[in-house]
Amino acid sequence: MSDGMNRRDFLGGLVAGGISARLAAGAAPATRPARRSITDRVPLGNTGIRVSRLGMGTGTFGWNRQSNQTRLGMDSFVRLLRHAIDSGIAYIDCADMYGSHYYLREAMRQVPRDKVVIVTKTADRTAEGVRKDVDRFRQELGTDYIDVVLLHCLTDADWTKKMAGPMDVLSEAKSKEWIKAHGCSCHSLAALRLASETPWVDVDLVRINPWGPRFKMDDRPDVVVPILRKFKARGAGVLGMKILGEGQRTDEASREESLRFVLSLDCVDAFNIGFESPRQPDDIIRRADAILS
């Protein structure tokens, strides 16, 4: 080694030479992975639908066709929906029980239909009632098709027997392209287990957070998560709800804990949160993007 080149210079020359050789051979330099965001659109199982990881729920304490969101009034709720959509949220969770269809229709007047994935739910338990609901929902939403229609709030351990008629109606609606996918929202562990084993369920809406039954879960996370992996194993889409325990865990530490937990799961495609003011989606997007980066 010459007097003019010490060991560090020598090694640096080797490194530089190696990079030059690779570039000369056509090898591209290493690049950083693309930064992920909670508003990225991702596949919803094998449905062919792509949803933003974060959705907006419209049914906080929802019943009798009203919810905390609809109680804001038409102008305030529509502004909130538009803010969420303009922020990149491309999945809106509705239900007949919440009375939120007309509000979303108003919010989407100037929004391209394919910019938003609409998930809604029927609480009817008869074939004829579900058939009427599919027609009515499309009219209320002002759309030719609905992305996902779910059988709402199933709890029975043998719900596939009791709901055979409604399931057939939704299958027919899918064949006519009035809806793109069908499934259910589960509100008991028994119903969830059956849904995971039922090929008809394209999409399941499941209660998921780190805290368990005291905060609206069907059971402890270590019991629920393996069931969700069964959905994923057969290509079904999984949507999460009750991320903040239906508003019971909204302090800063809880928001952070639950986001980290749900975003770490390989079996939840997306989840919705029932926002009630524009600052809430802004906060969740900021926190989630920091976790994903």
C-alpha atoms as a PDB file:
ATOM      1  CA  MET A   1       0.000   0.000   0.000  1.00  0.00           C
ATOM      2  CA  SER A   2       1.516   3.380  -1.025  1.00  0.00           C
ATOM      3  CA  ASP A   3       2.334   6.161   1.428  1.00  0.00           C
ATOM      4  CA  GLY A   4      -0.427   8.282  -0.144  1.00  0.00           C
ATOM      5  CA  MET A   5      -3.280   5.814   0.618  1.00  0.00           C
ATOM      6  CA  ASN A   6      -4.154   4.726   4.113  1.00  0.00           C
ATOM      7  CA  ARG A   7      -6.403   1.752   4.955  1.00  0.00           C
ATOM      8  CA  ARG A   8      -9.573   3.872   5.042  1.00  0.00           C
ATOM      9  CA  ASP A   9      -8.873   5.318   1.593  1.00  0.00           C
ATOM     10  CA  PHE A  10      -8.143   1.856   0.273  1.00  0.00           C
ATOM     11  CA  LEU A  11     -11.420   0.389   1.550  1.00  0.00           C
ATOM     12  CA  GLY A  12     -13.323   3.426   0.346  1.00  0.00           C
ATOM     13  CA  GLY A  13     -11.875   2.897  -3.097  1.00  0.00           C
ATOM     14  CA  LEU A  14     -13.030  -0.709  -3.103  1.00  0.00           C
ATOM     15  CA  VAL A  15     -16.569   0.346  -2.151  1.00  0.00           C
ATOM     16  CA  ALA A  16     -16.667   3.084  -4.768  1.00  0.00           C
ATOM     17  CA  GLY A  17     -15.234   0.745  -7.344  1.00  0.00           C
ATOM     18  CA  GLY A  18     -17.834  -1.875  -6.548  1.00  0.00           C
ATOM     19  CA  ILE A  19     -20.679   0.641  -6.918  1.00  0.00           C
ATOM     20  CA  SER A  20     -19.225   1.878 -10.203  1.00  0.00           C
ATOM     21  CA  ALA A  21     -18.939  -1.669 -11.486  1.00  0.00           C
ATOM     22  CA  ARG A  22     -22.543  -2.459 -10.609  1.00  0.00           C
ATOM     23  CA  LEU A  23     -23.788   0.725 -12.235  1.00  0.00           C
ATOM     24  CA  ALA A  24     -21.747  -0.013 -15.330  1.00  0.00           C
ATOM     25  CA  ALA A  25     -23.309  -3.473 -15.454  1.00  0.00           C
ATOM     26  CA  GLY A  26     -26.760  -1.929 -15.367  1.00  0.00           C
ATOM     27  CA  ALA A  27     -27.629  -2.589 -11.713  1.00  0.00           C
ATOM     28  CA  ALA A  28     -29.821   0.107 -10.170  1.00  0.00           C
ATOM     29  CA  PRO A  29     -28.762   1.646  -6.871  1.00  0.00           C
ATOM     30  CA  ALA A  30     -30.803   0.628  -3.852  1.00  0.00           C
ATOM     31  CA  THR A  31     -33.947   2.714  -3.296  1.00  0.00           C
ATOM     32  CA  ARG A  32     -36.046   3.235  -0.208  1.00  0.00           C
ATOM     33  CA  PRO A  33     -39.390   1.433  -0.072  1.00  0.00           C
ATOM     34  CA  ALA A  34     -42.361   3.640  -0.887  1.00  0.00           C
ATOM     35  CA  ARG A  35     -43.753   5.324   2.202  1.00  0.00           C
ATOM     36  CA  ARG A  36     -47.038   3.745   3.305  1.00  0.00           C
ATOM     37  CA  SER A  37     -50.088   5.692   4.394  1.00  0.00           C
ATOM     38  CA  ILE A  38     -53.298   4.787   6.176  1.00  0.00           C
ATOM     39  CA  THR A  39     -55.148   6.274   3.198  1.00  0.00           C
ATOM     40  CA  ASP A  40     -53.470   3.961   0.657  1.00  0.00           C
ATOM     41  CA  ARG A  41     -55.962   1.771  -1.170  1.00  0.00           C
ATOM     42  CA  VAL A  42     -55.408  -1.929  -0.509  1.00  0.00           C
ATOM     43  CA  PRO A  43     -57.173  -5.126  -1.676  1.00  0.00           C
ATOM     44  CA  LEU A  44     -60.232  -6.205   0.284  1.00  0.00           C
ATOM     45  CA  GLY A  45     -59.545  -9.934   0.241  1.00  0.00           C
ATOM     46  CA  ASN A  46     -60.181 -11.437  -3.181  1.00  0.00           C
ATOM     47  CA  THR A  47     -63.251  -9.292  -3.894  1.00  0.00           C
ATOM     48  CA  GLY A  48     -61.498  -7.110  -6.476  1.00  0.00           C
ATOM     49  CA  ILE A  49     -62.401  -4.080  -4.352  1.00  0.00           C
ATOM     50  CA  ARG A  50     -59.674  -1.751  -3.090  1.00  0.00           C
ATOM     51  CA  VAL A  51     -60.343   0.203   0.098  1.00  0.00           C
ATOM     52  CA  SER A  52     -58.353   2.775   2.023  1.00  0.00           C
ATOM     53  CA  ARG A  53     -56.917   1.203   5.161  1.00  0.00           C
ATOM     54  CA  LEU A  54     -58.838   3.788   7.156  1.00  0.00           C
ATOM     55  CA  GLY A  55     -62.580   4.118   6.715  1.00  0.00           C
ATOM     56  CA  MET A  56     -65.133   6.424   8.228  1.00  0.00           C
ATOM     57  CA  GLY A  57     -67.946   4.915  10.246  1.00  0.00           C
ATOM     58  CA  THR A  58     -71.326   6.624  10.321  1.00  0.00           C
ATOM     59  CA  GLY A  59     -73.061   4.688  13.089  1.00  0.00           C
ATOM     60  CA  THR A  60     -71.700   5.631  16.507  1.00  0.00           C
ATOM     61  CA  PHE A  61     -74.485   4.653  18.896  1.00  0.00           C
ATOM     62  CA  GLY A  62     -76.619   4.053  15.823  1.00  0.00           C
ATOM     63  CA  TRP A  63     -80.193   2.772  15.994  1.00  0.00           C
ATOM     64  CA  ASN A  64     -83.660   3.722  14.721  1.00  0.00           C
ATOM     65  CA  ARG A  65     -82.054   5.242  11.587  1.00  0.00           C
ATOM     66  CA  GLN A  66     -79.969   7.767  13.463  1.00  0.00           C
ATOM     67  CA  SER A  67     -76.499   7.958  14.991  1.00  0.00           C
ATOM     68  CA  ASN A  68     -74.116  10.447  16.565  1.00  0.00           C
ATOM     69  CA  GLN A  69     -73.071  11.367  13.036  1.00  0.00           C
ATOM     70  CA  THR A  70     -76.575  11.987  11.660  1.00  0.00           C
ATOM     71  CA  ARG A  71     -77.439  13.883  14.851  1.00  0.00           C
ATOM     72  CA  LEU A  72     -74.875  16.472  13.749  1.00  0.00           C
ATOM     73  CA  GLY A  73     -77.408  17.596  11.149  1.00  0.00           C
ATOM     74  CA  MET A  74     -77.209  17.478   7.355  1.00  0.00           C
ATOM     75  CA  ASP A  75     -74.784  20.376   6.790  1.00  0.00           C
ATOM     76  CA  SER A  76     -72.297  19.429   9.506  1.00  0.00           C
ATOM     77  CA  PHE A  77     -72.316  15.728   8.703  1.00  0.00           C
ATOM     78  CA  VAL A  78     -71.923  16.317   4.967  1.00  0.00           C
ATOM     79  CA  ARG A  79     -68.982  18.661   5.624  1.00  0.00           C
ATOM     80  CA  LEU A  80     -67.418  15.972   7.824  1.00  0.00           C
ATOM     81  CA  LEU A  81     -67.874  13.310   5.137  1.00  0.00           C
ATOM     82  CA  ARG A  82     -66.379  15.580   2.482  1.00  0.00           C
ATOM     83  CA  HIS A  83     -63.438  16.383   4.738  1.00  0.00           C
ATOM     84  CA  ALA A  84     -62.805  12.664   5.253  1.00  0.00           C
ATOM     85  CA  ILE A  85     -63.023  11.929   1.530  1.00  0.00           C
ATOM     86  CA  ASP A  86     -60.820  14.907   0.623  1.00  0.00           C
ATOM     87  CA  SER A  87     -58.300  13.642   3.194  1.00  0.00           C
ATOM     88  CA  GLY A  88     -57.982  10.369   1.293  1.00  0.00           C
ATOM     89  CA  ILE A  89     -60.476   8.177   3.146  1.00  0.00           C
ATOM     90  CA  ALA A  90     -61.974   6.028   0.399  1.00  0.00           C
ATOM     91  CA  TYR A  91     -64.187   3.705   2.425  1.00  0.00           C
ATOM     92  CA  ILE A  92     -67.419   4.794   4.123  1.00  0.00           C
ATOM     93  CA  ASP A  93     -69.311   2.419   6.414  1.00  0.00           C
ATOM     94  CA  CYS A  94     -73.100   2.931   6.457  1.00  0.00           C
ATOM     95  CA  ALA A  95     -76.195   1.015   7.509  1.00  0.00           C
ATOM     96  CA  ASP A  96     -79.933   1.321   7.196  1.00  0.00           C
ATOM     97  CA  MET A  97     -80.041   1.319  10.997  1.00  0.00           C
ATOM     98  CA  TYR A  98     -77.873   4.468  11.076  1.00  0.00           C
ATOM     99  CA  GLY A  99     -79.937   6.477   8.584  1.00  0.00           C
ATOM    100  CA  SER A 100     -76.726   7.669   6.916  1.00  0.00           C
ATOM    101  CA  HIS A 101     -77.445   6.909   3.247  1.00  0.00           C
ATOM    102  CA  TYR A 102     -78.910  10.288   2.333  1.00  0.00           C
ATOM    103  CA  TYR A 103     -76.023  12.129   3.988  1.00  0.00           C
ATOM    104  CA  LEU A 104     -73.439  10.182   1.996  1.00  0.00           C
ATOM    105  CA  ARG A 105     -75.436  10.753  -1.186  1.00  0.00           C
ATOM    106  CA  GLU A 106     -75.301  14.507  -0.574  1.00  0.00           C
ATOM    107  CA  ALA A 107     -71.571  14.416   0.235  1.00  0.00           C
ATOM    108  CA  MET A 108     -70.801  12.547  -3.002  1.00  0.00           C
ATOM    109  CA  ARG A 109     -72.630  14.854  -5.393  1.00  0.00           C
ATOM    110  CA  GLN A 110     -69.349  16.221  -6.765  1.00  0.00           C
ATOM    111  CA  VAL A 111     -67.238  13.131  -6.032  1.00  0.00           C
ATOM    112  CA  PRO A 112     -66.525  10.477  -8.698  1.00  0.00           C
ATOM    113  CA  ARG A 113     -68.343   7.272  -7.755  1.00  0.00           C
ATOM    114  CA  ASP A 114     -65.228   5.123  -7.998  1.00  0.00           C
ATOM    115  CA  LYS A 115     -63.402   7.330  -5.510  1.00  0.00           C
ATOM    116  CA  VAL A 116     -65.370   5.897  -2.589  1.00  0.00           C
ATOM    117  CA  VAL A 117     -66.107   2.320  -1.520  1.00  0.00           C
ATOM    118  CA  ILE A 118     -69.570   2.153   0.056  1.00  0.00           C
ATOM    119  CA  VAL A 119     -70.246  -0.548   2.641  1.00  0.00           C
ATOM    120  CA  THR A 120     -73.768  -0.790   4.013  1.00  0.00           C
ATOM    121  CA  LYS A 121     -75.879  -3.254   5.963  1.00  0.00           C
ATOM    122  CA  THR A 122     -79.398  -4.619   6.102  1.00  0.00           C
ATOM    123  CA  ALA A 123     -80.964  -5.662   9.391  1.00  0.00           C
ATOM    124  CA  ASP A 124     -83.879  -7.399   7.670  1.00  0.00           C
ATOM    125  CA  ARG A 125     -84.160 -11.136   8.280  1.00  0.00           C
ATOM    126  CA  THR A 126     -86.398 -12.086   5.330  1.00  0.00           C
ATOM    127  CA  ALA A 127     -85.600 -12.659   1.673  1.00  0.00           C
ATOM    128  CA  GLU A 128     -88.265 -10.237   0.482  1.00  0.00           C
ATOM    129  CA  GLY A 129     -87.180  -7.575   2.948  1.00  0.00           C
ATOM    130  CA  VAL A 130     -83.534  -7.819   1.866  1.00  0.00           C
ATOM    131  CA  ARG A 131     -84.558  -7.659  -1.806  1.00  0.00           C
ATOM    132  CA  LYS A 132     -86.455  -4.437  -1.143  1.00  0.00           C
ATOM    133  CA  ASP A 133     -83.545  -3.093   0.895  1.00  0.00           C
ATOM    134  CA  VAL A 134     -81.050  -3.542  -1.936  1.00  0.00           C
ATOM    135  CA  ASP A 135     -83.289  -1.526  -4.281  1.00  0.00           C
ATOM    136  CA  ARG A 136     -84.032   1.122  -1.670  1.00  0.00           C
ATOM    137  CA  PHE A 137     -80.417   1.474  -0.580  1.00  0.00           C
ATOM    138  CA  ARG A 138     -79.282   2.168  -4.152  1.00  0.00           C
ATOM    139  CA  GLN A 139     -81.936   4.849  -4.485  1.00  0.00           C
ATOM    140  CA  GLU A 140     -81.076   6.429  -1.144  1.00  0.00           C
ATOM    141  CA  LEU A 141     -77.367   6.428  -1.966  1.00  0.00           C
ATOM    142  CA  GLY A 142     -77.935   7.634  -5.528  1.00  0.00           C
ATOM    143  CA  THR A 143     -75.830   4.887  -7.089  1.00  0.00           C
ATOM    144  CA  ASP A 144     -76.366   2.045  -9.556  1.00  0.00           C
ATOM    145  CA  TYR A 145     -74.303  -0.317  -7.443  1.00  0.00           C
ATOM    146  CA  ILE A 146     -73.146  -0.743  -3.866  1.00  0.00           C
ATOM    147  CA  ASP A 147     -69.677  -2.114  -3.232  1.00  0.00           C
ATOM    148  CA  VAL A 148     -70.507  -4.277  -0.203  1.00  0.00           C
ATOM    149  CA  VAL A 149     -73.809  -5.195   1.448  1.00  0.00           C
ATOM    150  CA  LEU A 150     -73.658  -7.027   4.763  1.00  0.00           C
ATOM    151  CA  LEU A 151     -76.211  -8.863   6.880  1.00  0.00           C
ATOM    152  CA  HIS A 152     -76.171  -6.688   9.969  1.00  0.00           C
ATOM    153  CA  CYS A 153     -75.412  -7.708  13.552  1.00  0.00           C
ATOM    154  CA  LEU A 154     -75.482 -11.504  13.387  1.00  0.00           C
ATOM    155  CA  THR A 155     -75.325 -13.299  16.727  1.00  0.00           C
ATOM    156  CA  ASP A 156     -76.788 -16.795  16.214  1.00  0.00           C
ATOM    157  CA  ALA A 157     -74.487 -19.801  16.116  1.00  0.00           C
ATOM    158  CA  ASP A 158     -76.549 -21.230  13.219  1.00  0.00           C
ATOM    159  CA  TRP A 159     -77.281 -18.008  11.341  1.00  0.00           C
ATOM    160  CA  THR A 160     -76.578 -19.562   7.926  1.00  0.00           C
ATOM    161  CA  LYS A 161     -79.691 -21.730   8.318  1.00  0.00           C
ATOM    162  CA  LYS A 162     -81.915 -18.880   9.445  1.00  0.00           C
ATOM    163  CA  MET A 163     -80.552 -16.467   6.847  1.00  0.00           C
ATOM    164  CA  ALA A 164     -80.499 -18.765   3.807  1.00  0.00           C
ATOM    165  CA  GLY A 165     -83.165 -16.680   2.017  1.00  0.00           C
ATOM    166  CA  PRO A 166     -81.420 -13.305   2.522  1.00  0.00           C
ATOM    167  CA  MET A 167     -78.103 -14.886   1.520  1.00  0.00           C
ATOM    168  CA  ASP A 168     -79.642 -16.086  -1.760  1.00  0.00           C
ATOM    169  CA  VAL A 169     -81.036 -12.612  -2.449  1.00  0.00           C
ATOM    170  CA  LEU A 170     -77.632 -10.996  -1.982  1.00  0.00           C
ATOM    171  CA  SER A 171     -76.026 -13.652  -4.198  1.00  0.00           C
ATOM    172  CA  GLU A 172     -78.556 -12.780  -6.901  1.00  0.00           C
ATOM    173  CA  ALA A 173     -77.858  -9.057  -6.462  1.00  0.00           C
ATOM    174  CA  LYS A 174     -74.151  -9.766  -6.900  1.00  0.00           C
ATOM    175  CA  SER A 175     -74.795 -11.751 -10.097  1.00  0.00           C
ATOM    176  CA  LYS A 176     -76.759  -8.762 -11.456  1.00  0.00           C
ATOM    177  CA  GLU A 177     -73.905  -6.404 -10.449  1.00  0.00           C
ATOM    178  CA  TRP A 178     -76.140  -4.408  -8.120  1.00  0.00           C
ATOM    179  CA  ILE A 179     -73.566  -5.166  -5.438  1.00  0.00           C
ATOM    180  CA  LYS A 180     -69.943  -6.255  -5.751  1.00  0.00           C
ATOM    181  CA  ALA A 181     -69.622  -8.354  -2.619  1.00  0.00           C
ATOM    182  CA  HIS A 182     -71.684  -9.627   0.287  1.00  0.00           C
ATOM    183  CA  GLY A 183     -71.056 -10.814   3.814  1.00  0.00           C
ATOM    184  CA  CYS A 184     -71.964 -10.004   7.389  1.00  0.00           C
ATOM    185  CA  SER A 185     -71.154  -8.085  10.530  1.00  0.00           C
ATOM    186  CA  CYS A 186     -70.762 -10.338  13.546  1.00  0.00           C
ATOM    187  CA  HIS A 187     -71.630  -9.533  17.145  1.00  0.00           C
ATOM    188  CA  SER A 188     -70.873 -12.825  18.876  1.00  0.00           C
ATOM    189  CA  LEU A 189     -67.991 -15.254  18.857  1.00  0.00           C
ATOM    190  CA  ALA A 190     -70.238 -18.093  17.658  1.00  0.00           C
ATOM    191  CA  ALA A 191     -71.473 -16.065  14.685  1.00  0.00           C
ATOM    192  CA  LEU A 192     -67.907 -15.028  13.853  1.00  0.00           C
ATOM    193  CA  ARG A 193     -66.631 -18.609  13.913  1.00  0.00           C
ATOM    194  CA  LEU A 194     -69.388 -19.724  11.552  1.00  0.00           C
ATOM    195  CA  ALA A 195     -68.750 -16.788   9.214  1.00  0.00           C
ATOM    196  CA  SER A 196     -65.069 -17.713   8.977  1.00  0.00           C
ATOM    197  CA  GLU A 197     -66.075 -21.192   7.751  1.00  0.00           C
ATOM    198  CA  THR A 198     -68.773 -20.015   5.310  1.00  0.00           C
ATOM    199  CA  PRO A 199     -67.557 -19.519   1.719  1.00  0.00           C
ATOM    200  CA  TRP A 200     -70.548 -17.249   0.980  1.00  0.00           C
ATOM    201  CA  VAL A 201     -69.005 -14.566   3.227  1.00  0.00           C
ATOM    202  CA  ASP A 202     -66.913 -12.407   0.886  1.00  0.00           C
ATOM    203  CA  VAL A 203     -66.399  -9.755   3.558  1.00  0.00           C
ATOM    204  CA  ASP A 204     -66.722  -9.795   7.330  1.00  0.00           C
ATOM    205  CA  LEU A 205     -67.006  -6.743   9.564  1.00  0.00           C
ATOM    206  CA  VAL A 206     -65.550  -7.706  12.934  1.00  0.00           C
ATOM    207  CA  ARG A 207     -65.018  -6.030  16.285  1.00  0.00           C
ATOM    208  CA  ILE A 208     -61.292  -5.750  16.931  1.00  0.00           C
ATOM    209  CA  ASN A 209     -59.133  -3.851  19.438  1.00  0.00           C
ATOM    210  CA  PRO A 210     -56.431  -4.721  21.994  1.00  0.00           C
ATOM    211  CA  TRP A 211     -58.723  -4.770  25.028  1.00  0.00           C
ATOM    212  CA  GLY A 212     -61.314  -7.515  24.675  1.00  0.00           C
ATOM    213  CA  PRO A 213     -64.983  -7.966  25.691  1.00  0.00           C
ATOM    214  CA  ARG A 214     -65.166  -5.034  28.106  1.00  0.00           C
ATOM    215  CA  PHE A 215     -64.649  -2.791  25.092  1.00  0.00           C
ATOM    216  CA  LYS A 216     -67.061  -4.334  22.571  1.00  0.00           C
ATOM    217  CA  MET A 217     -64.955  -7.293  21.390  1.00  0.00           C
ATOM    218  CA  ASP A 218     -66.483 -10.752  20.886  1.00  0.00           C
ATOM    219  CA  ASP A 219     -63.664 -12.217  22.988  1.00  0.00           C
ATOM    220  CA  ARG A 220     -60.016 -11.637  23.842  1.00  0.00           C
ATOM    221  CA  PRO A 221     -57.738 -10.670  20.947  1.00  0.00           C
ATOM    222  CA  ASP A 222     -55.828 -13.966  21.219  1.00  0.00           C
ATOM    223  CA  VAL A 223     -59.123 -15.787  20.563  1.00  0.00           C
ATOM    224  CA  VAL A 224     -60.431 -13.503  17.807  1.00  0.00           C
ATOM    225  CA  VAL A 225     -57.265 -13.010  15.746  1.00  0.00           C
ATOM    226  CA  PRO A 226     -56.810 -16.712  14.788  1.00  0.00           C
ATOM    227  CA  ILE A 227     -60.415 -16.706  13.523  1.00  0.00           C
ATOM    228  CA  LEU A 228     -59.680 -13.665  11.373  1.00  0.00           C
ATOM    229  CA  ARG A 229     -56.712 -15.497   9.899  1.00  0.00           C
ATOM    230  CA  LYS A 230     -59.144 -18.196   8.736  1.00  0.00           C
ATOM    231  CA  PHE A 231     -60.992 -15.558   6.712  1.00  0.00           C
ATOM    232  CA  LYS A 232     -57.749 -14.425   5.134  1.00  0.00           C
ATOM    233  CA  ALA A 233     -56.637 -17.982   4.391  1.00  0.00           C
ATOM    234  CA  ARG A 234     -59.642 -18.466   2.124  1.00  0.00           C
ATOM    235  CA  GLY A 235     -59.444 -15.012   0.525  1.00  0.00           C
ATOM    236  CA  ALA A 236     -62.246 -13.230   2.353  1.00  0.00           C
ATOM    237  CA  GLY A 237     -61.945  -9.545   3.150  1.00  0.00           C
ATOM    238  CA  VAL A 238     -61.805  -8.451   6.784  1.00  0.00           C
ATOM    239  CA  LEU A 239     -62.922  -5.012   7.953  1.00  0.00           C
ATOM    240  CA  GLY A 240     -62.427  -3.928  11.554  1.00  0.00           C
ATOM    241  CA  MET A 241     -64.730  -1.882  13.770  1.00  0.00           C
ATOM    242  CA  LYS A 242     -64.857  -0.793  17.441  1.00  0.00           C
ATOM    243  CA  ILE A 243     -61.187   0.129  17.196  1.00  0.00           C
ATOM    244  CA  LEU A 244     -61.612   2.580  20.073  1.00  0.00           C
ATOM    245  CA  GLY A 245     -64.153   0.472  21.969  1.00  0.00           C
ATOM    246  CA  GLU A 246     -67.095   2.400  20.518  1.00  0.00           C
ATOM    247  CA  GLY A 247     -65.741   5.645  21.929  1.00  0.00           C
ATOM    248  CA  GLN A 248     -64.802   4.258  25.343  1.00  0.00           C
ATOM    249  CA  ARG A 249     -61.026   4.469  24.724  1.00  0.00           C
ATOM    250  CA  THR A 250     -60.360   7.801  23.016  1.00  0.00           C
ATOM    251  CA  ASP A 251     -57.522   9.170  25.163  1.00  0.00           C
ATOM    252  CA  GLU A 252     -54.199   9.724  23.432  1.00  0.00           C
ATOM    253  CA  ALA A 253     -52.493   6.622  24.829  1.00  0.00           C
ATOM    254  CA  SER A 254     -55.419   4.382  23.859  1.00  0.00           C
ATOM    255  CA  ARG A 255     -55.565   5.760  20.326  1.00  0.00           C
ATOM    256  CA  GLU A 256     -51.883   5.032  19.912  1.00  0.00           C
ATOM    257  CA  GLU A 257     -52.114   1.561  21.465  1.00  0.00           C
ATOM    258  CA  SER A 258     -55.046   0.439  19.352  1.00  0.00           C
ATOM    259  CA  LEU A 259     -53.670   1.795  16.088  1.00  0.00           C
ATOM    260  CA  ARG A 260     -50.363   0.019  16.654  1.00  0.00           C
ATOM    261  CA  PHE A 261     -52.184  -3.203  17.479  1.00  0.00           C
ATOM    262  CA  VAL A 262     -54.597  -3.221  14.541  1.00  0.00           C
ATOM    263  CA  LEU A 263     -52.021  -2.046  12.002  1.00  0.00           C
ATOM    264  CA  SER A 264     -49.720  -4.885  13.107  1.00  0.00           C
ATOM    265  CA  LEU A 265     -52.290  -7.541  12.192  1.00  0.00           C
ATOM    266  CA  ASP A 266     -51.874  -9.440   8.933  1.00  0.00           C
ATOM    267  CA  CYS A 267     -55.549 -10.406   8.898  1.00  0.00           C
ATOM    268  CA  VAL A 268     -57.334  -7.026   8.879  1.00  0.00           C
ATOM    269  CA  ASP A 269     -57.499  -5.269   5.512  1.00  0.00           C
ATOM    270  CA  ALA A 270     -59.005  -2.016   6.754  1.00  0.00           C
ATOM    271  CA  PHE A 271     -60.992  -0.585   9.636  1.00  0.00           C
ATOM    272  CA  ASN A 272     -63.443   2.230  10.268  1.00  0.00           C
ATOM    273  CA  ILE A 273     -63.752   4.762  13.065  1.00  0.00           C
ATOM    274  CA  GLY A 274     -66.863   6.830  13.736  1.00  0.00           C
ATOM    275  CA  PHE A 275     -65.520  10.362  13.523  1.00  0.00           C
ATOM    276  CA  GLU A 276     -67.604  13.244  14.814  1.00  0.00           C
ATOM    277  CA  SER A 277     -65.391  16.223  13.932  1.00  0.00           C
ATOM    278  CA  PRO A 278     -62.793  16.978  11.214  1.00  0.00           C
ATOM    279  CA  ARG A 279     -59.914  17.076  13.704  1.00  0.00           C
ATOM    280  CA  GLN A 280     -60.490  13.399  14.573  1.00  0.00           C
ATOM    281  CA  PRO A 281     -59.639  11.888  11.153  1.00  0.00           C
ATOM    282  CA  ASP A 282     -56.747  14.339  10.890  1.00  0.00           C
ATOM    283  CA  ASP A 283     -55.361  13.039  14.192  1.00  0.00           C
ATOM    284  CA  ILE A 284     -55.796   9.355  13.284  1.00  0.00           C
ATOM    285  CA  ILE A 285     -54.233   9.807   9.839  1.00  0.00           C
ATOM    286  CA  ARG A 286     -51.231  11.581  11.376  1.00  0.00           C
ATOM    287  CA  ARG A 287     -50.743   8.925  14.055  1.00  0.00           C
ATOM    288  CA  ALA A 288     -51.257   5.972  11.736  1.00  0.00           C
ATOM    289  CA  ASP A 289     -48.928   7.338   9.070  1.00  0.00           C
ATOM    290  CA  ALA A 290     -46.219   7.790  11.708  1.00  0.00           C
ATOM    291  CA  ILE A 291     -46.675   4.134  12.724  1.00  0.00           C
ATOM    292  CA  LEU A 292     -46.580   2.915   9.120  1.00  0.00           C
ATOM    293  CA  SER A 293     -43.544   4.984   8.117  1.00  0.00           C
END
